[in-house]
Amino acid sequence: MLDELAGKFELASRAYAEANGIERDDDWFLLKLQEEMGELTQAWNRISGRGRRKGRSDEEMSRDLADETADVLGHILLFAHNNKLDLPAAIKRKWLFRPDEA
């Protein structure tokens, strides 16, 4: 399940990078994850009243929070994929369940 999802993010990320002349070297994966965490934090600060709303409605701010959370998820999976990390095994060790079992 996670491997399949990571593969989909990889295809989308690779296509985006090629279309925009971005070199995705090893550092890029971690730096991009950090950038996305900053954007998620900014969205959270807005929705929790700790940041400027920038004219955004409550609905827009909720959508922004979901979008930035999706970006963080995607970049975590890209980072793991690029570094050949076995996330299902790590989840089993750390969280004591298997993510690929219903």
Protein backbone atom coordinates (compact mmCIF):
# COMPACT_ATOMS: atom_id res chain seq x y z
CA MET A 1 0.00 0.00 0.00
CA LEU A 2 2.66 2.56 1.01
CA ASP A 3 4.99 1.42 -1.77
CA GLU A 4 2.22 1.87 -4.34
CA LEU A 5 1.38 5.31 -2.99
CA ALA A 6 5.07 6.29 -2.92
CA GLY A 7 5.36 5.16 -6.54
CA LYS A 8 2.51 7.46 -7.55
CA PHE A 9 4.09 10.40 -5.74
CA GLU A 10 7.41 9.56 -7.39
CA LEU A 11 5.91 9.66 -10.89
CA ALA A 12 4.18 12.98 -10.20
CA SER A 13 7.28 14.51 -8.59
CA ARG A 14 9.60 13.35 -11.36
CA ALA A 15 7.30 14.78 -14.04
CA TYR A 16 7.03 18.10 -12.18
CA ALA A 17 10.81 18.30 -11.72
CA GLU A 18 11.46 17.54 -15.39
CA ALA A 19 8.89 20.09 -16.54
CA ASN A 20 10.42 22.78 -14.31
CA GLY A 21 14.12 21.99 -14.63
CA ILE A 22 14.50 20.91 -10.99
CA GLU A 23 17.35 18.59 -10.01
CA ARG A 24 16.15 16.17 -7.37
CA ASP A 25 19.44 15.19 -5.73
CA ASP A 26 19.62 13.50 -2.32
CA ASP A 27 19.54 16.81 -0.43
CA TRP A 28 16.51 18.03 -2.38
CA PHE A 29 14.26 15.35 -0.86
CA LEU A 30 14.98 16.45 2.71
CA LEU A 31 15.04 20.16 1.92
CA LYS A 32 11.71 19.94 0.09
CA LEU A 33 10.19 18.06 3.03
CA GLN A 34 11.39 20.84 5.34
CA GLU A 35 9.91 23.47 3.01
CA GLU A 36 6.56 21.69 3.01
CA MET A 37 6.61 21.42 6.83
CA GLY A 38 7.07 25.20 6.92
CA GLU A 39 4.06 25.66 4.65
CA LEU A 40 1.99 23.28 6.82
CA THR A 41 3.04 25.25 9.90
CA GLN A 42 2.05 28.49 8.19
CA ALA A 43 -1.37 27.05 7.29
CA TRP A 44 -1.83 25.83 10.87
CA ASN A 45 -0.87 29.23 12.26
CA ARG A 46 -3.49 30.88 10.05
CA ILE A 47 -6.28 28.46 10.93
CA SER A 48 -5.48 28.55 14.66
CA GLY A 49 -5.45 32.35 14.79
CA ARG A 50 -1.67 32.69 15.16
CA GLY A 51 -1.07 34.04 11.67
CA ARG A 52 -2.56 36.47 9.18
CA ARG A 53 -5.60 35.15 7.36
CA LYS A 54 -4.53 36.92 4.14
CA GLY A 55 -8.21 37.37 3.24
CA ARG A 56 -8.79 33.60 3.31
CA SER A 57 -12.19 32.23 4.34
CA ASP A 58 -12.47 29.44 6.91
CA GLU A 59 -13.18 27.01 4.06
CA GLU A 60 -10.10 28.15 2.13
CA MET A 61 -7.94 27.85 5.22
CA SER A 62 -9.21 24.30 5.88
CA ARG A 63 -8.48 23.40 2.26
CA ASP A 64 -4.99 24.92 2.57
CA LEU A 65 -4.33 22.86 5.71
CA ALA A 66 -5.42 19.67 3.93
CA ASP A 67 -3.36 20.52 0.84
CA GLU A 68 -0.22 21.21 2.86
CA THR A 69 -0.74 18.02 4.87
CA ALA A 70 -0.97 16.11 1.58
CA ASP A 71 2.29 17.75 0.46
CA VAL A 72 4.05 16.68 3.67
CA LEU A 73 2.76 13.12 3.28
CA GLY A 74 3.94 13.03 -0.32
CA HIS A 75 7.39 14.34 0.53
CA ILE A 76 7.80 11.93 3.44
CA LEU A 77 7.03 9.09 1.04
CA LEU A 78 9.39 10.55 -1.58
CA PHE A 79 12.17 10.85 1.02
CA ALA A 80 11.63 7.25 2.12
CA HIS A 81 11.47 6.02 -1.47
CA ASN A 82 14.65 7.87 -2.46
CA ASN A 83 16.50 6.45 0.54
CA LYS A 84 15.10 2.93 0.08
CA LEU A 85 13.56 2.94 3.55
CA ASP A 86 11.18 0.13 4.47
CA LEU A 87 8.38 2.17 6.02
CA PRO A 88 6.01 -0.75 6.59
CA ALA A 89 8.71 -2.53 8.64
CA ALA A 90 9.50 0.69 10.53
CA ILE A 91 5.80 1.25 11.27
CA LYS A 92 5.52 -2.31 12.56
CA ARG A 93 8.56 -1.74 14.84
CA LYS A 94 7.54 1.70 16.05
CA TRP A 95 3.73 1.64 15.98
CA LEU A 96 3.20 -2.11 16.47
CA PHE A 97 0.91 -2.66 13.49
CA ARG A 98 1.30 -3.49 9.83
CA PRO A 99 0.01 -0.74 7.54
CA ASP A 100 -0.65 -3.17 4.67
CA GLU A 101 -3.09 -5.31 6.66
CA ALA A 102 -6.77 -4.43 7.04
